[in-house]
């Protein structure tokens, strides 16, 4: 695998082993939609995690709880590697990419922990407050819980899309007294929106407006479902009377006021991981396609990276796609290789 420091991106892009799909997959929208609707559902149905899984909870400072799912390979023993998997917007521990990656890592004897962010998946009734792209403290609490459950085991943090931004933010931001990432020795972020404002603004143009509507409707649906399961879940007064039509409106009228931000712009400014990338001290791999229609690649060119961060940036791949006629094997290979190397 040819990967270089982001400061030498032009060399990286010429690597002979970068992702090279057949001509009919050399389009960001095709890659994104194939990953969402063609290959991932198939992988989810036929390749479920093969080892036993148990659920656990993480108690947060404000009383909310997170649920995680612990996939335990038969050959795993104390001190062996653990991987923490973080899903994206409107996903869960059961999202196709989460179950697929867990299965592949389990086959390499890596114990996997698939987290449900606040109010997601199995934790839908356990949180009054919603998850968002800046909740690095929730991730920090989860890491502390895993250290208690798996003392002495090295840990890889793997985040996709929104989960990738949260992971990078935590890895690079200053640590307070008593806050530790001990045990976390490497990380992977796939298609992370490291500049939330630039990402959301790009969704207002051309065909990308379709993704904007898709994510907005999914977020509204999640709010309805969470309040049905947890009637005291926080929702702004009168919010249902004027439902948002875009992801920006959703963040401005729901995410920001419920989560303590002044506005969507304030939320984006404080939660984008690009401002923390220079502070990352562990080996970290960022995978981002240059034709991603959801997360514009320019934000990766503009970022300031630490010396321990490496950027793998194929010309094609879309958003969480990286598909060939044979499926999603290229992305899976990068994740597994970085985790078990």
Protein backbone atom coordinates (compact mmCIF):
# COMPACT_ATOMS: atom_id res chain seq x y z
CA UNK A 1 0.00 0.00 0.00
CA UNK A 2 1.50 3.33 -1.04
CA UNK A 3 0.70 6.01 1.51
CA UNK A 4 2.60 9.19 2.25
CA UNK A 5 2.28 12.14 4.56
CA UNK A 6 -0.36 14.63 3.28
CA UNK A 7 2.37 17.20 2.61
CA UNK A 8 3.43 14.90 -0.25
CA UNK A 9 -0.05 14.30 -1.60
CA UNK A 10 0.98 14.44 -5.25
CA UNK A 11 3.33 11.48 -4.73
CA UNK A 12 0.64 9.62 -2.86
CA UNK A 13 -1.83 9.97 -5.72
CA UNK A 14 0.59 8.37 -8.13
CA UNK A 15 0.87 5.19 -6.03
CA UNK A 16 0.37 2.23 -8.34
CA UNK A 17 -1.70 0.35 -5.78
CA UNK A 18 -4.29 3.07 -5.15
CA UNK A 19 -7.94 2.29 -5.83
CA UNK A 20 -8.53 1.97 -9.58
CA UNK A 21 -12.10 0.97 -10.45
CA UNK A 22 -13.31 -0.07 -13.91
CA UNK A 23 -14.39 2.81 -16.15
CA UNK A 24 -18.11 2.43 -15.39
CA UNK A 25 -17.39 3.05 -11.67
CA UNK A 26 -15.28 6.20 -12.19
CA UNK A 27 -17.94 8.59 -10.98
CA UNK A 28 -18.46 9.82 -7.43
CA UNK A 29 -22.24 9.51 -7.50
CA UNK A 30 -22.11 5.99 -8.96
CA UNK A 31 -19.60 4.95 -6.31
CA UNK A 32 -21.66 6.44 -3.48
CA UNK A 33 -24.95 4.92 -4.59
CA UNK A 34 -23.38 1.52 -5.31
CA UNK A 35 -21.94 1.47 -1.80
CA UNK A 36 -25.30 2.43 -0.30
CA UNK A 37 -27.69 0.26 -2.31
CA UNK A 38 -25.83 -2.44 -4.23
CA UNK A 39 -23.09 -3.96 -2.15
CA UNK A 40 -23.66 -2.98 1.48
CA UNK A 41 -27.14 -4.53 1.87
CA UNK A 42 -25.87 -7.75 0.32
CA UNK A 43 -22.89 -7.80 2.66
CA UNK A 44 -25.17 -7.20 5.63
CA UNK A 45 -27.51 -10.08 4.80
CA UNK A 46 -25.00 -12.76 3.94
CA UNK A 47 -21.93 -11.90 5.98
CA UNK A 48 -23.14 -11.14 9.48
CA UNK A 49 -20.63 -11.05 12.29
CA UNK A 50 -19.73 -14.71 12.88
CA UNK A 51 -18.71 -14.56 16.54
CA UNK A 52 -20.89 -14.14 19.66
CA UNK A 53 -21.84 -10.56 20.53
CA UNK A 54 -22.84 -9.12 23.90
CA UNK A 55 -24.19 -5.65 24.66
CA UNK A 56 -22.91 -3.23 27.25
CA UNK A 57 -23.62 0.34 28.32
CA UNK A 58 -21.60 3.49 28.93
CA UNK A 59 -23.00 5.92 31.50
CA UNK A 60 -22.37 9.56 30.56
CA UNK A 61 -22.00 12.55 32.86
CA UNK A 62 -25.43 13.98 31.99
CA UNK A 63 -27.25 10.70 32.72
CA UNK A 64 -27.62 9.55 29.12
CA UNK A 65 -26.29 6.11 28.21
CA UNK A 66 -24.65 4.64 25.14
CA UNK A 67 -24.88 1.03 24.01
CA UNK A 68 -21.96 -0.89 22.52
CA UNK A 69 -21.84 -4.35 20.99
CA UNK A 70 -18.85 -6.53 21.85
CA UNK A 71 -17.96 -9.10 19.16
CA UNK A 72 -15.70 -11.72 20.77
CA UNK A 73 -13.68 -14.06 18.51
CA UNK A 74 -13.21 -17.55 19.94
CA UNK A 75 -9.41 -17.27 19.81
CA UNK A 76 -9.16 -13.83 21.40
CA UNK A 77 -7.33 -13.61 24.74
CA UNK A 78 -6.54 -10.75 27.13
CA UNK A 79 -3.95 -8.45 25.64
CA UNK A 80 -5.00 -9.11 22.04
CA UNK A 81 -6.11 -6.18 19.87
CA UNK A 82 -9.49 -4.48 20.14
CA UNK A 83 -11.10 -2.25 17.48
CA UNK A 84 -13.75 0.36 18.30
CA UNK A 85 -16.11 0.97 15.33
CA UNK A 86 -18.00 4.28 14.99
CA UNK A 87 -20.91 4.63 12.57
CA UNK A 88 -21.97 7.60 10.49
CA UNK A 89 -24.97 9.93 10.31
CA UNK A 90 -28.31 8.18 10.87
CA UNK A 91 -26.56 4.80 11.20
CA UNK A 92 -26.07 2.30 14.02
CA UNK A 93 -23.99 -0.66 15.14
CA UNK A 94 -26.02 -2.74 12.67
CA UNK A 95 -25.19 -0.60 9.63
CA UNK A 96 -23.83 -2.75 6.79
CA UNK A 97 -20.35 -1.20 6.93
CA UNK A 98 -20.14 -1.79 10.69
CA UNK A 99 -21.12 -5.46 10.51
CA UNK A 100 -18.93 -6.09 7.48
CA UNK A 101 -15.81 -4.54 8.99
CA UNK A 102 -16.43 -6.31 12.30
CA UNK A 103 -16.73 -9.67 10.56
CA UNK A 104 -13.46 -9.21 8.69
CA UNK A 105 -11.58 -8.10 11.79
CA UNK A 106 -13.04 -10.95 13.85
CA UNK A 107 -11.60 -13.32 11.28
CA UNK A 108 -8.18 -11.80 12.10
CA UNK A 109 -8.83 -12.43 15.81
CA UNK A 110 -9.50 -8.74 16.52
CA UNK A 111 -12.22 -8.18 19.10
CA UNK A 112 -14.59 -5.48 17.84
CA UNK A 113 -16.75 -3.03 19.77
CA UNK A 114 -19.50 -1.46 17.63
CA UNK A 115 -20.83 1.69 19.28
CA UNK A 116 -24.31 3.15 19.00
CA UNK A 117 -24.12 6.93 19.33
CA UNK A 118 -26.69 8.62 21.59
CA UNK A 119 -30.23 7.64 20.70
CA UNK A 120 -29.14 5.30 17.92
CA UNK A 121 -29.68 1.59 17.36
CA UNK A 122 -30.12 -0.34 20.58
CA UNK A 123 -29.64 2.86 22.56
CA UNK A 124 -32.58 4.74 21.07
CA UNK A 125 -34.44 4.90 24.40
CA UNK A 126 -31.41 5.59 26.58
CA UNK A 127 -30.63 9.22 25.70
CA UNK A 128 -32.53 12.47 26.13
CA UNK A 129 -29.97 14.40 24.12
CA UNK A 130 -29.04 13.66 20.49
CA UNK A 131 -25.68 12.63 19.07
CA UNK A 132 -23.78 15.00 16.81
CA UNK A 133 -20.41 15.30 15.07
CA UNK A 134 -18.71 17.00 17.99
CA UNK A 135 -19.43 14.57 20.81
CA UNK A 136 -15.83 13.55 21.42
CA UNK A 137 -16.50 13.32 25.17
CA UNK A 138 -18.90 10.44 24.49
CA UNK A 139 -16.13 8.68 22.61
CA UNK A 140 -13.67 9.37 25.42
CA UNK A 141 -16.06 7.78 27.92
CA UNK A 142 -16.47 4.75 25.66
CA UNK A 143 -12.70 4.29 25.37
CA UNK A 144 -12.43 4.40 29.17
CA UNK A 145 -15.12 1.69 29.41
CA UNK A 146 -13.30 -0.51 26.90
CA UNK A 147 -10.04 -0.12 28.84
CA UNK A 148 -11.85 -1.42 31.90
CA UNK A 149 -13.33 -4.30 29.95
CA UNK A 150 -10.14 -5.14 28.02
CA UNK A 151 -7.19 -4.06 30.20
CA UNK A 152 -3.85 -4.20 28.47
CA UNK A 153 -5.26 -4.58 24.96
CA UNK A 154 -4.07 -2.18 22.24
CA UNK A 155 -6.99 -0.39 20.59
CA UNK A 156 -7.68 0.81 17.06
CA UNK A 157 -10.40 3.45 16.63
CA UNK A 158 -12.20 3.19 13.28
CA UNK A 159 -14.71 5.89 12.34
CA UNK A 160 -16.68 6.27 9.13
CA UNK A 161 -18.11 9.57 7.90
CA UNK A 162 -19.50 11.43 10.96
CA UNK A 163 -17.85 8.84 13.22
CA UNK A 164 -14.54 9.61 11.54
CA UNK A 165 -14.84 13.31 12.34
CA UNK A 166 -15.59 12.58 15.99
CA UNK A 167 -12.58 10.26 16.19
CA UNK A 168 -10.18 12.78 14.64
CA UNK A 169 -11.49 15.55 16.87
CA UNK A 170 -10.89 13.51 20.02
CA UNK A 171 -7.43 12.36 18.92
CA UNK A 172 -6.22 15.89 18.26
CA UNK A 173 -7.94 18.12 20.80
CA UNK A 174 -6.21 19.10 24.09
CA UNK A 175 -6.76 16.67 26.92
CA UNK A 176 -8.06 17.77 30.31
CA UNK A 177 -6.92 16.51 33.70
CA UNK A 178 -7.78 12.84 34.13
CA UNK A 179 -8.59 12.38 30.44
CA UNK A 180 -6.53 9.68 28.78
CA UNK A 181 -6.39 7.81 25.49
CA UNK A 182 -4.02 5.20 26.95
CA UNK A 183 -4.25 2.00 24.92
CA UNK A 184 -5.33 3.70 21.68
CA UNK A 185 -2.32 3.22 19.41
CA UNK A 186 -3.75 3.78 15.92
CA UNK A 187 -6.85 5.11 14.17
CA UNK A 188 -8.65 5.16 10.83
CA UNK A 189 -11.14 7.73 9.53
CA UNK A 190 -12.99 6.98 6.27
CA UNK A 191 -14.59 9.89 4.37
CA UNK A 192 -14.75 12.12 7.47
CA UNK A 193 -16.34 15.57 7.06
CA UNK A 194 -13.44 17.41 8.71
CA UNK A 195 -14.92 20.81 7.73
CA UNK A 196 -18.61 20.58 8.57
CA UNK A 197 -19.52 24.01 7.22
CA UNK A 198 -17.90 23.35 3.83
CA UNK A 199 -19.53 19.92 3.69
CA UNK A 200 -23.05 21.18 4.40
CA UNK A 201 -22.68 24.15 2.04
CA UNK A 202 -21.68 21.80 -0.78
CA UNK A 203 -24.94 19.92 -0.35
CA UNK A 204 -26.92 22.92 -1.60
CA UNK A 205 -25.62 22.63 -5.16
CA UNK A 206 -26.72 20.55 -8.13
CA UNK A 207 -27.25 16.83 -7.68
CA UNK A 208 -25.85 16.91 -4.15
CA UNK A 209 -29.14 18.46 -3.03
CA UNK A 210 -30.56 14.94 -3.27
CA UNK A 211 -28.17 13.79 -0.56
CA UNK A 212 -29.10 16.84 1.49
CA UNK A 213 -32.79 15.91 1.38
CA UNK A 214 -32.00 12.26 2.08
CA UNK A 215 -29.97 13.04 5.21
CA UNK A 216 -32.42 15.69 6.41
CA UNK A 217 -35.38 13.31 6.15
CA UNK A 218 -33.38 10.57 7.86
CA UNK A 219 -32.52 12.90 10.74
CA UNK A 220 -36.13 14.03 11.15
CA UNK A 221 -37.24 10.39 11.12
CA UNK A 222 -34.67 9.62 13.83
CA UNK A 223 -35.99 12.44 16.02
CA UNK A 224 -39.56 11.15 15.71
CA UNK A 225 -38.50 7.60 16.50
CA UNK A 226 -36.38 8.61 19.47
CA UNK A 227 -39.20 10.65 21.02
CA UNK A 228 -41.64 7.78 20.52
CA UNK A 229 -39.25 5.50 22.40
CA UNK A 230 -38.21 8.17 24.92
CA UNK A 231 -41.03 10.73 25.41
CA UNK A 232 -38.80 13.05 27.47
CA UNK A 233 -36.19 13.28 24.69
CA UNK A 234 -35.28 16.94 24.16
CA UNK A 235 -37.01 18.60 21.18
CA UNK A 236 -37.27 22.40 20.78
CA UNK A 237 -40.73 23.85 21.41
CA UNK A 238 -42.75 24.13 18.21
CA UNK A 239 -40.11 22.33 16.16
CA UNK A 240 -42.55 19.87 14.61
CA UNK A 241 -44.71 22.71 13.27
CA UNK A 242 -41.95 23.88 10.92
CA UNK A 243 -39.81 20.87 10.01
CA UNK A 244 -36.44 21.64 8.38
CA UNK A 245 -35.95 21.12 4.67
CA UNK A 246 -32.14 20.95 4.57
CA UNK A 247 -29.40 19.54 6.76
CA UNK A 248 -28.30 23.08 7.64
CA UNK A 249 -31.82 23.94 8.78
CA UNK A 250 -31.93 20.73 10.82
CA UNK A 251 -28.69 21.61 12.58
CA UNK A 252 -29.75 25.24 13.06
CA UNK A 253 -33.19 24.48 14.49
CA UNK A 254 -32.54 21.17 16.25
CA UNK A 255 -28.90 20.09 16.75
CA UNK A 256 -27.59 23.49 17.82
CA UNK A 257 -30.24 24.56 20.37
CA UNK A 258 -30.61 21.09 21.88
CA UNK A 259 -26.85 20.58 22.19
CA UNK A 260 -25.87 23.97 23.57
CA UNK A 261 -24.60 25.71 20.42
CA UNK A 262 -25.63 29.23 19.43
CA UNK A 263 -26.37 28.22 15.83
CA UNK A 264 -25.52 25.70 13.16
CA UNK A 265 -22.49 27.82 12.25
CA UNK A 266 -21.32 27.73 15.86
CA UNK A 267 -21.81 23.96 15.94
CA UNK A 268 -19.79 23.48 12.76
CA UNK A 269 -16.99 25.79 13.91
CA UNK A 270 -16.54 24.03 17.24
CA UNK A 271 -17.05 20.46 16.05
CA UNK A 272 -15.01 20.27 12.82
CA UNK A 273 -11.92 18.13 13.30
CA UNK A 274 -9.73 20.01 10.80
CA UNK A 275 -8.69 22.43 13.56
CA UNK A 276 -7.39 19.53 15.69
CA UNK A 277 -5.57 17.39 13.10
CA UNK A 278 -2.15 18.89 13.84
CA UNK A 279 -2.45 17.67 17.44
CA UNK A 280 -2.82 13.96 16.62
CA UNK A 281 0.10 11.97 18.03
CA UNK A 282 -0.73 8.35 17.14
CA UNK A 283 -0.50 6.71 13.67
CA UNK A 284 -3.71 7.71 11.92
CA UNK A 285 -4.93 6.89 8.42
CA UNK A 286 -7.45 9.15 6.69
CA UNK A 287 -9.09 7.69 3.57
CA UNK A 288 -10.89 10.19 1.33
CA UNK A 289 -11.88 9.99 -2.33
CA UNK A 290 -11.26 13.04 -4.50
CA UNK A 291 -14.65 12.60 -6.19
CA UNK A 292 -16.67 12.31 -2.96
CA UNK A 293 -19.95 14.16 -3.76
CA UNK A 294 -20.85 14.59 -0.09
CA UNK A 295 -17.53 15.54 1.54
CA UNK A 296 -15.68 17.90 -0.85
CA UNK A 297 -12.04 16.94 -1.17
CA UNK A 298 -10.76 20.54 -1.03
CA UNK A 299 -11.06 20.46 2.76
CA UNK A 300 -8.37 17.77 2.93
CA UNK A 301 -5.99 19.84 0.82
CA UNK A 302 -6.52 22.81 3.12
CA UNK A 303 -5.95 20.94 6.38
CA UNK A 304 -2.83 21.04 8.57
CA UNK A 305 -1.83 17.48 9.53
CA UNK A 306 0.44 16.05 12.19
CA UNK A 307 3.49 14.02 11.26
CA UNK A 308 1.71 10.84 12.40
CA UNK A 309 -1.25 11.30 10.06
CA UNK A 310 -1.32 9.78 6.59
CA UNK A 311 -3.83 10.54 3.85
CA UNK A 312 -4.86 7.95 1.28
CA UNK A 313 -6.72 9.84 -1.43
CA UNK A 314 -7.70 7.89 -4.57
CA UNK A 315 -9.13 9.85 -7.48
CA UNK A 316 -12.31 7.77 -7.33
CA UNK A 317 -14.40 6.13 -4.62
CA UNK A 318 -17.27 8.49 -3.83
CA UNK A 319 -18.58 8.66 -0.29
CA UNK A 320 -18.07 5.31 1.47
CA UNK A 321 -18.09 3.58 -1.91
CA UNK A 322 -14.73 2.37 -3.26
CA UNK A 323 -16.62 -0.27 -5.25
CA UNK A 324 -15.44 -2.48 -8.08
CA UNK A 325 -17.41 -5.10 -10.00
CA UNK A 326 -16.37 -7.49 -7.22
CA UNK A 327 -17.62 -5.40 -4.31
CA UNK A 328 -16.05 -3.41 -1.50
CA UNK A 329 -12.83 -5.34 -1.03
CA UNK A 330 -10.40 -2.44 -1.57
CA UNK A 331 -11.65 -0.38 1.37
CA UNK A 332 -11.94 -3.46 3.57
CA UNK A 333 -8.32 -4.36 2.78
CA UNK A 334 -7.05 -0.90 3.80
CA UNK A 335 -8.92 -1.03 7.11
CA UNK A 336 -7.86 -4.57 8.01
CA UNK A 337 -4.23 -4.00 6.96
CA UNK A 338 -3.90 -0.80 9.01
CA UNK A 339 -5.51 -2.47 12.05
CA UNK A 340 -3.52 -5.71 12.21
CA UNK A 341 -0.14 -4.63 10.73
